[in-house]
C-alpha atoms as a PDB file:
ATOM      1  CA  UNK A   1      94.316 102.019 105.379  1.00  0.00           C
ATOM      2  CA  UNK A   2      95.846  98.960 103.801  1.00  0.00           C
ATOM      3  CA  UNK A   3      98.169  98.214 106.707  1.00  0.00           C
ATOM      4  CA  UNK A   4      95.164  98.095 109.024  1.00  0.00           C
ATOM      5  CA  UNK A   5      94.067  95.085 107.045  1.00  0.00           C
ATOM      6  CA  UNK A   6      90.337  95.156 106.648  1.00  0.00           C
ATOM      7  CA  UNK A   7      87.922  94.834 103.742  1.00  0.00           C
ATOM      8  CA  UNK A   8      84.970  97.163 103.109  1.00  0.00           C
ATOM      9  CA  UNK A   9      82.586  94.219 102.686  1.00  0.00           C
ATOM     10  CA  UNK A  10      83.727  92.796 106.004  1.00  0.00           C
ATOM     11  CA  UNK A  11      82.849  96.078 107.712  1.00  0.00           C
ATOM     12  CA  UNK A  12      79.441  96.169 106.005  1.00  0.00           C
ATOM     13  CA  UNK A  13      78.704  92.620 107.123  1.00  0.00           C
ATOM     14  CA  UNK A  14      79.660  93.481 110.685  1.00  0.00           C
ATOM     15  CA  UNK A  15      77.472  96.589 110.574  1.00  0.00           C
ATOM     16  CA  UNK A  16      74.456  94.406 109.850  1.00  0.00           C
ATOM     17  CA  UNK A  17      75.304  91.326 111.907  1.00  0.00           C
ATOM     18  CA  UNK A  18      77.005  92.750 114.999  1.00  0.00           C
ATOM     19  CA  UNK A  19      74.680  94.363 117.588  1.00  0.00           C
ATOM     20  CA  UNK A  20      77.465  96.732 118.688  1.00  0.00           C
ATOM     21  CA  UNK A  21      77.741  98.382 115.265  1.00  0.00           C
ATOM     22  CA  UNK A  22      74.054  98.133 114.402  1.00  0.00           C
ATOM     23  CA  UNK A  23      72.899  99.802 117.628  1.00  0.00           C
ATOM     24  CA  UNK A  24      75.409 102.617 117.243  1.00  0.00           C
ATOM     25  CA  UNK A  25      74.318 103.161 113.651  1.00  0.00           C
ATOM     26  CA  UNK A  26      70.656 103.368 114.702  1.00  0.00           C
ATOM     27  CA  UNK A  27      71.519 105.769 117.537  1.00  0.00           C
ATOM     28  CA  UNK A  28      73.410 108.148 115.250  1.00  0.00           C
ATOM     29  CA  UNK A  29      70.779 107.862 112.499  1.00  0.00           C
ATOM     30  CA  UNK A  30      68.056 108.785 114.985  1.00  0.00           C
ATOM     31  CA  UNK A  31      69.610 112.253 115.319  1.00  0.00           C
ATOM     32  CA  UNK A  32      68.655 113.091 111.730  1.00  0.00           C
ATOM     33  CA  UNK A  33      65.047 112.128 112.480  1.00  0.00           C
ATOM     34  CA  UNK A  34      65.025 114.233 115.644  1.00  0.00           C
ATOM     35  CA  UNK A  35      66.767 117.122 113.885  1.00  0.00           C
ATOM     36  CA  UNK A  36      64.238 117.269 111.058  1.00  0.00           C
ATOM     37  CA  UNK A  37      61.351 117.156 113.529  1.00  0.00           C
ATOM     38  CA  UNK A  38      62.859 119.851 115.738  1.00  0.00           C
ATOM     39  CA  UNK A  39      63.316 122.320 112.877  1.00  0.00           C
ATOM     40  CA  UNK A  40      59.669 123.313 113.022  1.00  0.00           C
ATOM     41  CA  UNK A  41      59.685 123.693 116.806  1.00  0.00           C
ATOM     42  CA  UNK A  42      62.905 125.558 117.541  1.00  0.00           C
ATOM     43  CA  UNK A  43      63.069 129.308 117.234  1.00  0.00           C
ATOM     44  CA  UNK A  44      65.024 130.793 114.284  1.00  0.00           C
ATOM     45  CA  UNK A  45      67.942 132.012 116.481  1.00  0.00           C
ATOM     46  CA  UNK A  46      68.316 128.555 118.080  1.00  0.00           C
ATOM     47  CA  UNK A  47      68.037 126.874 114.681  1.00  0.00           C
ATOM     48  CA  UNK A  48      70.754 129.095 113.253  1.00  0.00           C
ATOM     49  CA  UNK A  49      73.017 128.539 116.273  1.00  0.00           C
ATOM     50  CA  UNK A  50      72.455 124.799 116.022  1.00  0.00           C
ATOM     51  CA  UNK A  51      73.365 124.845 112.330  1.00  0.00           C
ATOM     52  CA  UNK A  52      76.662 126.642 113.028  1.00  0.00           C
ATOM     53  CA  UNK A  53      77.499 124.256 115.870  1.00  0.00           C
ATOM     54  CA  UNK A  54      76.753 121.269 113.662  1.00  0.00           C
ATOM     55  CA  UNK A  55      79.182 122.553 111.028  1.00  0.00           C
ATOM     56  CA  UNK A  56      81.853 123.125 113.674  1.00  0.00           C
ATOM     57  CA  UNK A  57      81.267 119.671 115.140  1.00  0.00           C
ATOM     58  CA  UNK A  58      81.504 117.970 111.750  1.00  0.00           C
ATOM     59  CA  UNK A  59      84.748 119.780 110.878  1.00  0.00           C
ATOM     60  CA  UNK A  60      86.304 118.986 114.259  1.00  0.00           C
ATOM     61  CA  UNK A  61      85.152 115.363 113.974  1.00  0.00           C
ATOM     62  CA  UNK A  62      86.700 115.003 110.502  1.00  0.00           C
ATOM     63  CA  UNK A  63      90.008 116.419 111.731  1.00  0.00           C
ATOM     64  CA  UNK A  64      90.113 114.048 114.695  1.00  0.00           C
ATOM     65  CA  UNK A  65      89.259 110.912 112.738  1.00  0.00           C
ATOM     66  CA  UNK A  66      91.780 111.867 110.035  1.00  0.00           C
ATOM     67  CA  UNK A  67      94.489 112.043 112.681  1.00  0.00           C
ATOM     68  CA  UNK A  68      93.350 108.725 114.113  1.00  0.00           C
ATOM     69  CA  UNK A  69      93.210 107.188 110.643  1.00  0.00           C
ATOM     70  CA  UNK A  70      96.893 107.984 110.175  1.00  0.00           C
ATOM     71  CA  UNK A  71      98.055 106.998 113.651  1.00  0.00           C
ATOM     72  CA  UNK A  72      95.984 103.940 114.503  1.00  0.00           C
ATOM     73  CA  UNK A  73      97.367 100.508 113.662  1.00  0.00           C
ATOM     74  CA  UNK A  74      94.108  98.567 113.440  1.00  0.00           C
ATOM     75  CA  UNK A  75      90.569  99.072 112.197  1.00  0.00           C
ATOM     76  CA  UNK A  76      89.219  98.040 115.602  1.00  0.00           C
ATOM     77  CA  UNK A  77      91.068 100.877 117.352  1.00  0.00           C
ATOM     78  CA  UNK A  78      90.094 103.366 114.634  1.00  0.00           C
ATOM     79  CA  UNK A  79      86.402 102.444 114.802  1.00  0.00           C
ATOM     80  CA  UNK A  80      86.419 102.553 118.603  1.00  0.00           C
ATOM     81  CA  UNK A  81      87.878 106.068 118.655  1.00  0.00           C
ATOM     82  CA  UNK A  82      85.584 107.236 115.837  1.00  0.00           C
ATOM     83  CA  UNK A  83      82.473 106.118 117.717  1.00  0.00           C
ATOM     84  CA  UNK A  84      83.763 107.705 120.922  1.00  0.00           C
ATOM     85  CA  UNK A  85      84.296 111.093 119.266  1.00  0.00           C
ATOM     86  CA  UNK A  86      80.959 110.810 117.477  1.00  0.00           C
ATOM     87  CA  UNK A  87      79.145 110.245 120.768  1.00  0.00           C
ATOM     88  CA  UNK A  88      80.868 113.209 122.388  1.00  0.00           C
ATOM     89  CA  UNK A  89      79.927 115.583 119.563  1.00  0.00           C
ATOM     90  CA  UNK A  90      76.377 114.240 119.359  1.00  0.00           C
ATOM     91  CA  UNK A  91      75.818 114.765 123.092  1.00  0.00           C
ATOM     92  CA  UNK A  92      77.306 118.275 122.892  1.00  0.00           C
ATOM     93  CA  UNK A  93      75.033 119.252 119.989  1.00  0.00           C
ATOM     94  CA  UNK A  94      71.868 117.928 121.621  1.00  0.00           C
ATOM     95  CA  UNK A  95      72.534 120.204 124.606  1.00  0.00           C
ATOM     96  CA  UNK A  96      71.662 123.127 122.333  1.00  0.00           C
ATOM     97  CA  UNK A  97      68.312 121.567 121.429  1.00  0.00           C
ATOM     98  CA  UNK A  98      67.111 120.225 124.790  1.00  0.00           C
ATOM     99  CA  UNK A  99      68.915 118.731 127.762  1.00  0.00           C
ATOM    100  CA  UNK A 100      66.233 116.033 128.029  1.00  0.00           C
ATOM    101  CA  UNK A 101      67.304 114.783 124.599  1.00  0.00           C
ATOM    102  CA  UNK A 102      70.905 114.768 125.817  1.00  0.00           C
ATOM    103  CA  UNK A 103      69.935 112.612 128.781  1.00  0.00           C
ATOM    104  CA  UNK A 104      68.115 110.200 126.471  1.00  0.00           C
ATOM    105  CA  UNK A 105      71.225 109.777 124.311  1.00  0.00           C
ATOM    106  CA  UNK A 106      73.422 109.276 127.380  1.00  0.00           C
ATOM    107  CA  UNK A 107      71.050 106.584 128.622  1.00  0.00           C
ATOM    108  CA  UNK A 108      70.892 105.041 125.143  1.00  0.00           C
ATOM    109  CA  UNK A 109      74.672 104.830 124.752  1.00  0.00           C
ATOM    110  CA  UNK A 110      74.938 103.439 128.288  1.00  0.00           C
ATOM    111  CA  UNK A 111      72.464 100.693 127.413  1.00  0.00           C
ATOM    112  CA  UNK A 112      74.431  99.876 124.247  1.00  0.00           C
ATOM    113  CA  UNK A 113      77.600  99.667 126.349  1.00  0.00           C
ATOM    114  CA  UNK A 114      75.941  97.235 128.762  1.00  0.00           C
ATOM    115  CA  UNK A 115      74.196  95.060 126.170  1.00  0.00           C
ATOM    116  CA  UNK A 116      76.930  94.769 123.546  1.00  0.00           C
ATOM    117  CA  UNK A 117      80.662  95.053 123.062  1.00  0.00           C
ATOM    118  CA  UNK A 118      82.895  95.747 120.118  1.00  0.00           C
ATOM    119  CA  UNK A 119      83.731  92.426 118.453  1.00  0.00           C
ATOM    120  CA  UNK A 120      87.432  91.521 118.189  1.00  0.00           C
ATOM    121  CA  UNK A 121      89.052  90.627 114.905  1.00  0.00           C
ATOM    122  CA  UNK A 122      87.904  87.146 113.925  1.00  0.00           C
ATOM    123  CA  UNK A 123      90.916  86.381 111.733  1.00  0.00           C
ATOM    124  CA  UNK A 124      93.657  84.157 113.183  1.00  0.00           C
ATOM    125  CA  UNK A 125      96.231  84.324 110.408  1.00  0.00           C
ATOM    126  CA  UNK A 126      98.585  81.372 110.967  1.00  0.00           C
ATOM    127  CA  UNK A 127      98.227  81.561 114.752  1.00  0.00           C
ATOM    128  CA  UNK A 128      96.372  78.908 116.744  1.00  0.00           C
ATOM    129  CA  UNK A 129      93.834  79.340 119.514  1.00  0.00           C
ATOM    130  CA  UNK A 130      95.018  77.229 122.422  1.00  0.00           C
ATOM    131  CA  UNK A 131      93.808  76.149 125.829  1.00  0.00           C
ATOM    132  CA  UNK A 132      96.375  76.330 128.643  1.00  0.00           C
ATOM    133  CA  UNK A 133      96.606  72.524 128.583  1.00  0.00           C
ATOM    134  CA  UNK A 134      97.258  72.472 124.831  1.00  0.00           C
ATOM    135  CA  UNK A 135      99.940  75.139 125.224  1.00  0.00           C
ATOM    136  CA  UNK A 136     101.592  73.175 128.017  1.00  0.00           C
ATOM    137  CA  UNK A 137     101.580  70.039 125.882  1.00  0.00           C
ATOM    138  CA  UNK A 138     103.050  71.815 122.854  1.00  0.00           C
ATOM    139  CA  UNK A 139     105.811  73.380 124.928  1.00  0.00           C
ATOM    140  CA  UNK A 140     106.787  70.326 126.959  1.00  0.00           C
ATOM    141  CA  UNK A 141     106.645  67.676 124.236  1.00  0.00           C
ATOM    142  CA  UNK A 142     109.250  69.557 122.233  1.00  0.00           C
ATOM    143  CA  UNK A 143     108.275  68.072 118.859  1.00  0.00           C
ATOM    144  CA  UNK A 144     106.922  71.325 117.430  1.00  0.00           C
ATOM    145  CA  UNK A 145     108.516  74.680 116.715  1.00  0.00           C
ATOM    146  CA  UNK A 146     111.576  75.726 118.669  1.00  0.00           C
ATOM    147  CA  UNK A 147     110.029  79.095 119.432  1.00  0.00           C
ATOM    148  CA  UNK A 148     106.448  79.894 120.413  1.00  0.00           C
ATOM    149  CA  UNK A 149     105.157  83.459 120.632  1.00  0.00           C
ATOM    150  CA  UNK A 150     101.963  83.372 122.666  1.00  0.00           C
ATOM    151  CA  UNK A 151      99.428  86.150 123.161  1.00  0.00           C
ATOM    152  CA  UNK A 152      97.507  85.993 126.443  1.00  0.00           C
ATOM    153  CA  UNK A 153      94.372  88.096 126.044  1.00  0.00           C
ATOM    154  CA  UNK A 154      90.744  88.488 127.036  1.00  0.00           C
ATOM    155  CA  UNK A 155      88.195  88.759 124.256  1.00  0.00           C
ATOM    156  CA  UNK A 156      86.036  90.992 126.490  1.00  0.00           C
ATOM    157  CA  UNK A 157      88.813  93.488 127.248  1.00  0.00           C
ATOM    158  CA  UNK A 158      88.713  96.725 125.245  1.00  0.00           C
ATOM    159  CA  UNK A 159      92.518  96.965 125.150  1.00  0.00           C
ATOM    160  CA  UNK A 160      92.723  93.447 123.713  1.00  0.00           C
ATOM    161  CA  UNK A 161      89.994  94.144 121.158  1.00  0.00           C
ATOM    162  CA  UNK A 162      91.794  97.266 119.905  1.00  0.00           C
ATOM    163  CA  UNK A 163      94.926  95.267 119.008  1.00  0.00           C
ATOM    164  CA  UNK A 164      93.231  91.964 118.150  1.00  0.00           C
ATOM    165  CA  UNK A 165      94.176  92.296 114.475  1.00  0.00           C
ATOM    166  CA  UNK A 166      97.900  92.870 115.066  1.00  0.00           C
ATOM    167  CA  UNK A 167      98.895  89.406 116.280  1.00  0.00           C
ATOM    168  CA  UNK A 168      97.281  87.462 113.391  1.00  0.00           C
ATOM    169  CA  UNK A 169      98.972  89.798 110.902  1.00  0.00           C
ATOM    170  CA  UNK A 170     102.336  89.221 112.607  1.00  0.00           C
ATOM    171  CA  UNK A 171     101.790  85.473 112.405  1.00  0.00           C
ATOM    172  CA  UNK A 172     101.191  85.648 108.657  1.00  0.00           C
ATOM    173  CA  UNK A 173     104.396  87.621 108.156  1.00  0.00           C
ATOM    174  CA  UNK A 174     106.820  85.888 110.515  1.00  0.00           C
ATOM    175  CA  UNK A 175     105.650  82.317 111.169  1.00  0.00           C
ATOM    176  CA  UNK A 176     107.971  79.573 109.927  1.00  0.00           C
ATOM    177  CA  UNK A 177     109.141  76.112 110.925  1.00  0.00           C
ATOM    178  CA  UNK A 178     111.049  77.531 113.904  1.00  0.00           C
ATOM    179  CA  UNK A 179     108.483  80.092 115.094  1.00  0.00           C
ATOM    180  CA  UNK A 180     104.820  79.431 115.793  1.00  0.00           C
ATOM    181  CA  UNK A 181     102.123  81.723 117.132  1.00  0.00           C
ATOM    182  CA  UNK A 182      99.448  80.903 119.687  1.00  0.00           C
ATOM    183  CA  UNK A 183      96.587  82.717 121.427  1.00  0.00           C
ATOM    184  CA  UNK A 184      95.274  81.896 124.906  1.00  0.00           C
ATOM    185  CA  UNK A 185      92.054  83.591 126.004  1.00  0.00           C
ATOM    186  CA  UNK A 186      92.354  84.161 129.745  1.00  0.00           C
ATOM    187  CA  UNK A 187      88.753  85.307 129.778  1.00  0.00           C
ATOM    188  CA  UNK A 188      87.863  81.640 129.269  1.00  0.00           C
ATOM    189  CA  UNK A 189      90.678  80.289 131.469  1.00  0.00           C
ATOM    190  CA  UNK A 190      91.302  82.879 134.216  1.00  0.00           C
ATOM    191  CA  UNK A 191      92.893  80.299 136.526  1.00  0.00           C
ATOM    192  CA  UNK A 192      95.757  79.888 134.044  1.00  0.00           C
ATOM    193  CA  UNK A 193      96.878  83.499 134.476  1.00  0.00           C
ATOM    194  CA  UNK A 194      98.780  82.759 137.689  1.00  0.00           C
ATOM    195  CA  UNK A 195     100.708  79.942 136.026  1.00  0.00           C
ATOM    196  CA  UNK A 196     102.256  82.411 133.616  1.00  0.00           C
ATOM    197  CA  UNK A 197     102.705  85.286 136.068  1.00  0.00           C
ATOM    198  CA  UNK A 198      99.949  87.443 134.594  1.00  0.00           C
ATOM    199  CA  UNK A 199      97.766  89.623 136.785  1.00  0.00           C
ATOM    200  CA  UNK A 200      94.097  90.010 135.910  1.00  0.00           C
ATOM    201  CA  UNK A 201      93.594  92.770 138.476  1.00  0.00           C
ATOM    202  CA  UNK A 202      93.660  96.507 137.903  1.00  0.00           C
ATOM    203  CA  UNK A 203      91.165  96.442 135.033  1.00  0.00           C
ATOM    204  CA  UNK A 204      93.319  93.819 133.315  1.00  0.00           C
ATOM    205  CA  UNK A 205      96.182  96.238 132.851  1.00  0.00           C
ATOM    206  CA  UNK A 206      98.564  93.420 131.880  1.00  0.00           C
ATOM    207  CA  UNK A 207      96.491  92.239 128.951  1.00  0.00           C
ATOM    208  CA  UNK A 208      97.368  91.527 126.297  1.00  0.00           C
ATOM    209  CA  UNK A 209     100.630  89.910 127.416  1.00  0.00           C
ATOM    210  CA  UNK A 210     103.063  88.424 124.902  1.00  0.00           C
ATOM    211  CA  UNK A 211     105.486  85.687 125.979  1.00  0.00           C
ATOM    212  CA  UNK A 212     108.185  84.144 123.804  1.00  0.00           C
ATOM    213  CA  UNK A 213     109.053  80.547 124.675  1.00  0.00           C
ATOM    214  CA  UNK A 214     112.099  78.603 123.495  1.00  0.00           C
ATOM    215  CA  UNK A 215     111.945  74.858 124.064  1.00  0.00           C
ATOM    216  CA  UNK A 216     109.455  75.288 126.943  1.00  0.00           C
ATOM    217  CA  UNK A 217     111.518  78.027 128.604  1.00  0.00           C
ATOM    218  CA  UNK A 218     110.352  81.614 128.779  1.00  0.00           C
ATOM    219  CA  UNK A 219     112.753  83.906 126.936  1.00  0.00           C
ATOM    220  CA  UNK A 220     111.058  87.279 127.261  1.00  0.00           C
ATOM    221  CA  UNK A 221     107.676  88.899 127.696  1.00  0.00           C
ATOM    222  CA  UNK A 222     105.854  92.147 127.125  1.00  0.00           C
ATOM    223  CA  UNK A 223     104.790  93.859 129.327  1.00  0.00           C
ATOM    224  CA  UNK A 224     107.460  93.077 131.884  1.00  0.00           C
ATOM    225  CA  UNK A 225     107.061  90.391 134.538  1.00  0.00           C
ATOM    226  CA  UNK A 226     104.659  91.159 137.394  1.00  0.00           C
ATOM    227  CA  UNK A 227     106.577  90.315 140.556  1.00  0.00           C
ATOM    228  CA  UNK A 228     103.388  90.217 142.601  1.00  0.00           C
ATOM    229  CA  UNK A 229     102.222  87.158 140.664  1.00  0.00           C
ATOM    230  CA  UNK A 230     104.595  84.221 140.707  1.00  0.00           C
ATOM    231  CA  UNK A 231     104.337  81.761 137.840  1.00  0.00           C
ATOM    232  CA  UNK A 232     103.468  78.264 139.056  1.00  0.00           C
ATOM    233  CA  UNK A 233     104.207  76.459 135.803  1.00  0.00           C
ATOM    234  CA  UNK A 234     107.373  74.388 136.502  1.00  0.00           C
ATOM    235  CA  UNK A 235     108.589  73.601 132.953  1.00  0.00           C
ATOM    236  CA  UNK A 236     108.135  77.132 131.596  1.00  0.00           C
ATOM    237  CA  UNK A 237     110.809  79.041 133.456  1.00  0.00           C
ATOM    238  CA  UNK A 238     114.164  80.491 132.684  1.00  0.00           C
ATOM    239  CA  UNK A 239     115.526  78.918 135.892  1.00  0.00           C
ATOM    240  CA  UNK A 240     114.985  75.366 134.744  1.00  0.00           C
ATOM    241  CA  UNK A 241     116.702  76.011 131.460  1.00  0.00           C
ATOM    242  CA  UNK A 242     119.732  77.414 133.294  1.00  0.00           C
ATOM    243  CA  UNK A 243     119.838  74.351 135.576  1.00  0.00           C
ATOM    244  CA  UNK A 244     119.789  72.009 132.586  1.00  0.00           C
ATOM    245  CA  UNK A 245     122.722  73.807 130.980  1.00  0.00           C
END
């Protein structure tokens, strides 16, 4: 998974240091402890059925993560989907043993969801983390790059976390003296969203948003402009550029 741009040691460090990964690892590892203890309690027919279901679950899990490995663009998205499938199969298998155990795992994964979140990619590449004021200054002073590609994201949003590695990798590949890359975290500056016509409603469906600026004028954006939210940032509009010309 070279294009997904991660190092094995980085993943191992995150497994130990990040509560999100560590708690999931402990939850999955606990099944082996429970399974070995239950072998002496369950009846032979149930034990045999459980063994067959475990084999089926492992095979199905391997097929799914192989497909995701090929299709996913980032390690963050791949790990997120892998943990999701793992939790589904684990809950399904525990139903064969005892539904009380299933409830305990559901509660456990719910607690992990509340207490921790998947960490975004920490690498920035050649992009710069900016405050809205810094971005405004860079765009209006006009003494930096002609073009600025800016990612507006929220570090607590799952959709932003899944693609958090893509933008830094793009910056490494395409940044030059005419094109610079910047990142604005709207989770820290939610009031700036309206300035750039970005809606934070609807479970943050518009994040991440990518806007390309040329000499302080917006050229294009993805996803498309939300007409319900009007940008209130005077210098950063296509209209002003047209008036000047």
